[in-house]
Protein backbone atom coordinates (compact mmCIF):
# COMPACT_ATOMS: atom_id res chain seq x y z
CA UNK A 1 109.36 81.87 67.79
CA UNK A 2 106.85 83.94 69.85
CA UNK A 3 103.47 85.64 70.00
CA UNK A 4 105.01 87.56 69.38
CA UNK A 5 105.72 83.51 69.18
CA UNK A 6 101.88 81.46 70.23
CA UNK A 7 104.06 79.27 72.29
CA UNK A 8 106.24 81.71 74.27
CA UNK A 9 103.33 81.79 77.04
CA UNK A 10 102.98 77.54 77.38
CA UNK A 11 105.60 78.10 80.33
CA UNK A 12 102.34 80.59 82.43
CA UNK A 13 101.49 77.87 85.28
CA UNK A 14 97.88 79.35 86.84
CA UNK A 15 97.46 82.99 85.20
CA UNK A 16 94.28 83.81 84.45
CA UNK A 17 95.09 85.95 82.09
CA UNK A 18 97.92 86.52 79.38
CA UNK A 19 97.84 89.55 76.88
CA UNK A 20 100.32 90.25 74.14
CA UNK A 21 99.75 93.93 72.95
CA UNK A 22 101.31 94.83 69.87
CA UNK A 23 101.18 98.60 68.12
CA UNK A 24 103.55 99.06 64.92
CA UNK A 25 103.31 102.05 64.10
CA UNK A 26 105.01 103.31 67.44
CA UNK A 27 106.84 100.17 68.51
CA UNK A 28 105.16 98.79 71.79
CA UNK A 29 105.67 95.44 72.71
CA UNK A 30 103.71 94.77 75.81
CA UNK A 31 102.27 91.67 77.56
CA UNK A 32 100.30 91.94 80.41
CA UNK A 33 99.52 89.08 83.32
CA UNK A 34 96.94 88.93 85.37
CA UNK A 35 97.65 86.11 87.97
CA UNK A 36 94.68 86.81 90.11
CA UNK A 37 91.59 88.26 90.29
CA UNK A 38 90.54 86.38 93.68
CA UNK A 39 90.90 89.59 95.64
CA UNK A 40 89.69 92.34 94.08
CA UNK A 41 91.71 93.88 90.64
CA UNK A 42 94.99 92.80 89.75
CA UNK A 43 97.01 95.54 90.76
CA UNK A 44 101.27 95.77 89.26
CA UNK A 45 103.77 98.80 87.80
CA UNK A 46 105.00 98.46 83.52
CA UNK A 47 108.69 97.57 83.17
CA UNK A 48 109.91 98.93 80.44
CA UNK A 49 113.28 97.44 80.23
CA UNK A 50 115.20 96.42 76.72
CA UNK A 51 114.57 92.45 76.87
CA UNK A 52 117.58 90.04 75.55
CA UNK A 53 114.64 88.51 73.99
CA UNK A 54 110.97 87.92 73.99
CA UNK A 55 111.47 84.67 75.87
CA UNK A 56 112.88 86.80 78.94
CA UNK A 57 110.00 89.50 78.47
CA UNK A 58 107.52 87.39 78.54
CA UNK A 59 109.42 84.76 81.47
CA UNK A 60 109.53 88.68 83.75
CA UNK A 61 106.15 89.83 83.52
CA UNK A 62 104.55 86.02 84.35
CA UNK A 63 106.83 85.51 87.80
CA UNK A 64 105.81 89.35 88.07
CA UNK A 65 102.50 88.62 87.84
CA UNK A 66 102.56 85.49 90.42
CA UNK A 67 105.04 87.98 93.01
CA UNK A 68 102.41 90.63 92.44
CA UNK A 69 99.54 88.64 94.13
CA UNK A 70 101.31 87.13 96.33
CA UNK A 71 102.90 90.61 97.83
CA UNK A 72 99.27 92.47 97.80
CA UNK A 73 97.80 89.22 99.49
CA UNK A 74 100.15 89.97 102.47
CA UNK A 75 100.24 93.72 102.61
CA UNK A 76 95.51 92.94 103.57
CA UNK A 77 94.83 94.29 100.03
CA UNK A 78 92.30 93.65 98.64
CA UNK A 79 93.57 93.93 95.15
CA UNK A 80 94.84 90.48 92.75
CA UNK A 81 98.16 90.29 91.27
CA UNK A 82 99.12 91.84 88.00
CA UNK A 83 101.87 93.55 86.17
CA UNK A 84 104.02 94.21 82.85
CA UNK A 85 105.90 94.06 80.85
CA UNK A 86 107.05 97.06 77.59
CA UNK A 87 109.72 95.48 75.20
CA UNK A 88 112.70 97.85 74.47
CA UNK A 89 114.84 100.78 75.59
CA UNK A 90 112.78 103.61 77.14
CA UNK A 91 115.78 105.65 76.41
CA UNK A 92 114.67 104.71 72.49
CA UNK A 93 111.18 104.35 72.01
CA UNK A 94 108.97 105.94 74.98
CA UNK A 95 107.41 108.65 73.74
CA UNK A 96 103.51 110.18 74.02
CA UNK A 97 101.75 108.27 71.57
CA UNK A 98 103.66 104.71 72.88
CA UNK A 99 102.21 105.37 76.43
CA UNK A 100 98.97 106.64 75.56
CA UNK A 101 98.87 103.78 73.41
CA UNK A 102 99.86 101.15 75.63
CA UNK A 103 97.14 103.41 78.00
CA UNK A 104 95.10 101.63 75.61
CA UNK A 105 95.44 97.96 75.99
CA UNK A 106 95.07 98.47 80.15
CA UNK A 107 91.67 100.17 78.87
CA UNK A 108 90.58 96.85 77.08
CA UNK A 109 90.87 94.93 80.23
CA UNK A 110 87.64 96.94 81.62
CA UNK A 111 89.60 97.30 84.90
CA UNK A 112 90.89 93.59 85.04
CA UNK A 113 93.68 95.41 85.50
CA UNK A 114 95.49 98.35 87.37
CA UNK A 115 98.94 99.43 86.12
CA UNK A 116 101.30 101.62 88.12
CA UNK A 117 105.24 102.75 87.87
CA UNK A 118 108.46 100.66 87.72
CA UNK A 119 111.30 100.12 86.57
CA UNK A 120 111.45 102.97 83.47
CA UNK A 121 108.00 103.77 84.17
CA UNK A 122 107.34 107.19 85.72
CA UNK A 123 105.25 109.39 87.45
CA UNK A 124 104.88 111.19 84.50
CA UNK A 125 104.41 108.81 82.34
CA UNK A 126 101.82 107.27 83.97
CA UNK A 127 100.08 111.04 82.88
CA UNK A 128 100.66 109.94 80.16
CA UNK A 129 98.64 106.26 80.20
CA UNK A 130 96.04 107.68 82.34
CA UNK A 131 94.82 110.47 79.42
CA UNK A 132 93.51 106.86 77.66
CA UNK A 133 92.95 105.11 80.88
CA UNK A 134 90.99 104.92 84.16
CA UNK A 135 93.01 101.94 85.10
CA UNK A 136 96.41 103.39 86.01
CA UNK A 137 97.75 104.95 89.71
CA UNK A 138 100.77 106.46 90.64
CA UNK A 139 99.84 109.16 88.60
CA UNK A 140 101.22 112.87 89.78
CA UNK A 141 100.64 114.92 92.58
CA UNK A 142 99.35 117.22 91.18
CA UNK A 143 96.49 115.16 89.23
CA UNK A 144 95.92 113.60 92.46
CA UNK A 145 98.02 110.73 92.32
CA UNK A 146 100.19 109.80 95.39
CA UNK A 147 103.75 110.38 93.28
CA UNK A 148 106.64 108.23 93.33
CA UNK A 149 106.01 105.11 95.05
CA UNK A 150 109.42 104.29 95.51
CA UNK A 151 109.58 106.57 98.79
CA UNK A 152 106.96 104.18 100.63
CA UNK A 153 108.30 101.04 99.10
CA UNK A 154 112.11 101.89 101.25
CA UNK A 155 110.28 102.70 104.80
CA UNK A 156 108.56 99.49 104.59
CA UNK A 157 112.15 97.57 103.15
CA UNK A 158 113.27 99.34 106.26
CA UNK A 159 110.48 98.48 108.04
CA UNK A 160 111.48 94.70 107.62
CA UNK A 161 115.48 94.81 107.16
CA UNK A 162 114.19 95.46 110.99
CA UNK A 163 112.13 92.43 111.92
CA UNK A 164 114.50 90.81 110.12
CA UNK A 165 117.41 91.84 111.81
CA UNK A 166 116.39 92.16 115.22
CA UNK A 167 114.95 88.48 115.28
CA UNK A 168 118.98 87.69 114.04
CA UNK A 169 120.12 90.39 116.94
CA UNK A 170 117.39 90.95 119.23
CA UNK A 171 117.03 94.66 118.47
CA UNK A 172 115.10 96.19 115.25
CA UNK A 173 117.57 98.41 114.72
CA UNK A 174 120.79 98.66 112.65
CA UNK A 175 122.00 101.11 114.52
CA UNK A 176 126.45 100.11 114.67
CA UNK A 177 125.94 97.34 111.84
CA UNK A 178 127.51 97.50 108.27
CA UNK A 179 124.29 97.24 105.75
CA UNK A 180 125.16 96.51 102.00
CA UNK A 181 122.92 98.12 99.87
CA UNK A 182 123.06 97.35 96.10
CA UNK A 183 121.51 99.48 93.47
CA UNK A 184 120.75 103.43 94.20
CA UNK A 185 117.89 104.18 91.73
CA UNK A 186 114.50 104.92 93.19
CA UNK A 187 114.35 103.15 95.45
CA UNK A 188 117.93 102.16 96.83
CA UNK A 189 118.43 105.96 97.37
CA UNK A 190 115.21 106.59 100.39
CA UNK A 191 116.73 103.36 101.25
CA UNK A 192 120.17 105.15 102.34
CA UNK A 193 118.88 107.52 103.81
CA UNK A 194 116.62 105.69 106.83
CA UNK A 195 119.49 103.47 107.41
CA UNK A 196 121.73 106.30 107.96
CA UNK A 197 118.99 108.14 110.10
CA UNK A 198 119.15 105.25 112.28
CA UNK A 199 122.52 104.59 111.82
CA UNK A 200 123.86 101.87 109.88
CA UNK A 201 126.75 102.06 108.62
CA UNK A 202 125.90 101.52 104.66
CA UNK A 203 129.06 100.27 101.54
CA UNK A 204 126.62 100.45 98.24
CA UNK A 205 126.95 99.29 94.35
CA UNK A 206 126.04 100.34 91.61
CA UNK A 207 126.36 100.20 87.77
CA UNK A 208 125.01 103.74 86.60
CA UNK A 209 127.65 105.82 87.51
CA UNK A 210 125.11 108.46 87.41
CA UNK A 211 124.02 106.83 90.50
CA UNK A 212 127.29 107.10 92.37
CA UNK A 213 128.53 110.37 91.37
CA UNK A 214 124.81 111.64 93.45
CA UNK A 215 126.19 109.05 95.98
CA UNK A 216 129.72 110.92 96.46
CA UNK A 217 127.36 114.91 96.89
CA UNK A 218 124.40 113.22 98.78
CA UNK A 219 126.50 111.17 101.04
CA UNK A 220 129.65 110.72 100.70
CA UNK A 221 129.95 108.74 104.27
CA UNK A 222 128.99 106.27 102.23
CA UNK A 223 131.08 103.15 101.33
CA UNK A 224 130.71 102.85 96.95
CA UNK A 225 132.51 99.70 95.54
CA UNK A 226 132.98 98.26 92.13
CA UNK A 227 130.67 95.54 91.70
CA UNK A 228 128.13 93.21 93.87
CA UNK A 229 130.33 90.84 93.78
CA UNK A 230 132.78 92.89 96.08
CA UNK A 231 129.94 94.62 98.17
CA UNK A 232 128.55 90.67 98.94
CA UNK A 233 131.42 89.23 99.72
CA UNK A 234 133.24 92.03 102.08
CA UNK A 235 132.31 92.45 105.64
CA UNK A 236 128.94 93.15 105.73
CA UNK A 237 125.70 92.09 108.15
CA UNK A 238 122.64 93.22 106.07
CA UNK A 239 122.49 92.55 102.79
CA UNK A 240 120.06 94.38 100.69
CA UNK A 241 119.77 93.88 96.51
CA UNK A 242 117.92 97.13 95.54
CA UNK A 243 118.28 96.32 91.43
CA UNK A 244 116.76 93.32 88.79
CA UNK A 245 116.03 89.97 90.47
CA UNK A 246 117.95 86.63 90.42
CA UNK A 247 120.39 88.10 92.65
CA UNK A 248 120.38 85.62 95.09
CA UNK A 249 121.56 83.11 93.20
CA UNK A 250 124.49 79.77 92.77
CA UNK A 251 126.66 82.51 91.73
CA UNK A 252 125.99 84.37 94.86
CA UNK A 253 125.43 82.94 97.39
CA UNK A 254 128.37 80.84 98.04
CA UNK A 255 130.10 83.81 98.94
CA UNK A 256 127.23 86.04 100.52
CA UNK A 257 128.49 86.96 103.66
CA UNK A 258 125.37 89.20 105.58
CA UNK A 259 123.32 87.07 108.18
CA UNK A 260 120.18 88.67 107.02
CA UNK A 261 119.00 89.97 103.62
CA UNK A 262 116.41 91.97 103.10
CA UNK A 263 116.23 93.92 99.70
CA UNK A 264 113.99 96.01 97.37
CA UNK A 265 114.58 93.82 93.84
CA UNK A 266 111.36 91.85 92.78
CA UNK A 267 112.77 87.68 92.46
CA UNK A 268 115.18 87.86 94.26
CA UNK A 269 115.83 84.09 94.28
CA UNK A 270 117.15 83.02 90.25
CA UNK A 271 114.89 79.45 90.80
CA UNK A 272 113.98 76.93 93.32
CA UNK A 273 115.24 76.06 96.26
CA UNK A 274 117.96 79.04 96.36
CA UNK A 275 115.53 80.36 99.51
CA UNK A 276 117.20 76.23 100.83
CA UNK A 277 120.48 77.35 100.87
CA UNK A 278 120.03 80.65 102.10
CA UNK A 279 118.94 78.42 105.10
CA UNK A 280 121.57 76.00 105.04
CA UNK A 281 124.07 78.34 105.02
CA UNK A 282 122.38 80.39 108.36
CA UNK A 283 121.23 83.00 106.16
CA UNK A 284 117.80 85.24 107.09
CA UNK A 285 116.13 85.84 103.51
CA UNK A 286 113.05 88.63 104.32
CA UNK A 287 111.31 87.40 101.56
CA UNK A 288 111.27 90.13 99.05
CA UNK A 289 107.50 90.70 98.33
CA UNK A 290 106.29 91.19 102.03
CA UNK A 291 109.61 93.97 102.07
CA UNK A 292 108.75 95.60 99.17
CA UNK A 293 105.05 95.90 99.74
CA UNK A 294 104.88 99.74 100.87
CA UNK A 295 105.28 101.33 96.80
CA UNK A 296 101.89 99.31 95.48
CA UNK A 297 100.32 100.15 99.34
CA UNK A 298 100.99 104.09 98.77
CA UNK A 299 99.50 103.23 95.41
CA UNK A 300 96.57 100.91 96.36
CA UNK A 301 95.58 103.85 98.64
CA UNK A 302 95.50 106.15 95.66
CA UNK A 303 92.32 104.44 93.90
CA UNK A 304 90.03 105.15 96.83
CA UNK A 305 91.41 108.59 97.30
CA UNK A 306 95.21 109.46 97.92
CA UNK A 307 96.28 110.07 102.35
CA UNK A 308 99.72 109.73 102.61
CA UNK A 309 99.56 109.17 106.02
CA UNK A 310 97.78 106.72 105.61
CA UNK A 311 98.59 105.06 103.40
CA UNK A 312 102.66 105.49 105.27
CA UNK A 313 100.97 103.67 108.56
CA UNK A 314 100.05 100.81 106.17
CA UNK A 315 103.41 100.78 105.69
CA UNK A 316 105.11 100.45 108.60
CA UNK A 317 103.14 97.58 109.68
CA UNK A 318 105.18 95.14 107.59
CA UNK A 319 107.47 95.23 110.56
CA UNK A 320 104.52 93.62 112.32
CA UNK A 321 103.96 91.20 109.15
CA UNK A 322 107.59 90.38 108.58
CA UNK A 323 107.92 89.25 112.05
CA UNK A 324 104.86 87.15 111.72
CA UNK A 325 106.24 85.08 108.73
CA UNK A 326 109.61 84.96 110.18
CA UNK A 327 107.61 82.99 113.29
CA UNK A 328 105.45 81.04 111.47
CA UNK A 329 108.48 79.63 109.60
CA UNK A 330 110.25 79.32 112.75
CA UNK A 331 107.08 77.23 113.50
CA UNK A 332 106.66 74.85 110.46
CA UNK A 333 110.76 74.47 110.12
CA UNK A 334 110.04 76.17 106.83
CA UNK A 335 112.50 79.25 104.81
CA UNK A 336 110.24 82.70 105.89
CA UNK A 337 110.37 82.03 101.63
CA UNK A 338 108.34 78.91 102.42
CA UNK A 339 106.19 80.19 105.24
CA UNK A 340 105.50 84.14 102.84
CA UNK A 341 104.58 81.74 100.15
CA UNK A 342 102.12 79.56 102.25
CA UNK A 343 100.47 83.00 104.35
CA UNK A 344 99.27 84.26 100.23
CA UNK A 345 97.85 81.77 99.04
CA UNK A 346 95.85 80.70 102.85
CA UNK A 347 94.55 84.45 102.58
CA UNK A 348 93.54 83.81 98.58
CA UNK A 349 92.03 81.23 99.36
CA UNK A 350 90.38 81.55 102.22
CA UNK A 351 88.79 85.18 100.57
CA UNK A 352 88.11 84.73 97.41
CA UNK A 353 86.03 82.31 98.27
CA UNK A 354 83.70 84.62 99.61
CA UNK A 355 82.63 86.45 95.97
CA UNK A 356 81.44 83.36 94.96
CA UNK A 357 79.08 84.75 98.44
CA UNK A 358 75.80 86.49 95.59
CA UNK A 359 74.86 90.02 97.09
């Protein structure tokens, strides 16, 4: 059954609120997960995706909203963590009425949750949603927004990658390194440019033929391979997962040849324990929600009046945050993912506690 079945949300642990939104006339079926508002209103994008089942949609929104809480905390933002998913194929279901119906549900939360772009949603969609709610970021420049958040997401991933590469090879540059990118979507295509500018040799894979055509035309020097398994088993120094989650799993990690992982995808670790396997194999993993925080930094800056240079400067500091977490991991003798979790949880607890002080 589903809630669409009541028992479907029973596996959420630690979440403050999980909201199921349905509008029969437009076909909207959405789930908003708010993990924490300890640091402030929850901020996280809306993913529009044809999940195989309701259970898959619920699992994704719960994992993603938790990741957003940690991401926002480590980015130094006074924002909590939330995420939303719209269950369905955006190519078939996305309409103005559906997006506006979704905006009404976001508005009904009274500011506990700010939404933004994610997989399957774009700046233009945020402008439509904004017709029904003021709690939306990632809007177009014409409406005073930050525009495409992929720009600073890719910049932040590049900064985090530089820190991880320096940790392994002693220099904060990918010059001469072979970097494998899985996914040439919103973020991956910007990341390619940064890597080539720094002198990297880039190899990439994508399931979308249009993305491959774009790469051939825009960057003919990039080597394209038929699939991700071919990519990760090839002779690469750095692996950048930039598609959907679960890229680091029991199938991929044992055959991965890279020594550094730093990519834009959320929830890269398929299950607990993968981070230990990576460490045992001598692979340095820069936690995804640390290095891919540039996008949320960009849209968060929009809330108080967007300034690109200010946001980019903050995203550049992802290098420093990544370095600090890798240092903490070495000091405490734990994988970087564990060190990052500890650091995020400490800030949520310590700064969140201050909200109990009446002013």
